[in-house]
Amino acid sequence: MKILTKNVVPLISICTPSLPVSINKMFGGGRNTRRRFLCKEAKDFKKIVKDEVEKIMTPELQKNFSDPMNLYVFKMTLFTNTYYKNGRIRQLDASNFIKNAEDSLCEALGTDDKNHFDVIASKVDAPKNRTKLELFRIVED
């Protein structure tokens, strides 16, 4: 299989019943404080992702994440209502949702997002919110 001209092997594909938290709302903390903390909604999304990964994780699959030299393609697809009732497109920047989604998947897998060499974000018009997260390992030709 090829993604962005790279040979890849699909590893993980999970769906969550909600959208990740936008980077604009992901952290809390006051203006006059240096402390930032993850908001409750972002923590909740991480828990959902962890639970979905645990459902599909096997010892064989876990071996793919033990080598720190492996490189990956991360793909996030947001399924949500992308239009207002009047037909105008909602302001929904898919790229703002990457951080929470990517961090959640990495934490659940015990990997680091520094190994994600390609990050793909897309949105699909759908009546119900959900998120599909996929991870592919890049393999040499």
Foldseek 3Di string as FASTA:
>chain_A
DDDPNFDWAWQDKFKFQAAADFLVQQWDDDPPDPDIDGDPRLVVVLVRLLVRCVVPDDPVSLVQAPDLQWAKAKEKEKEEAQADPVGHGDPDDQVRRVVSVVVSNCVSSVHDCVRHPHYYYYYDYDHGTMMMIIMITTDDD
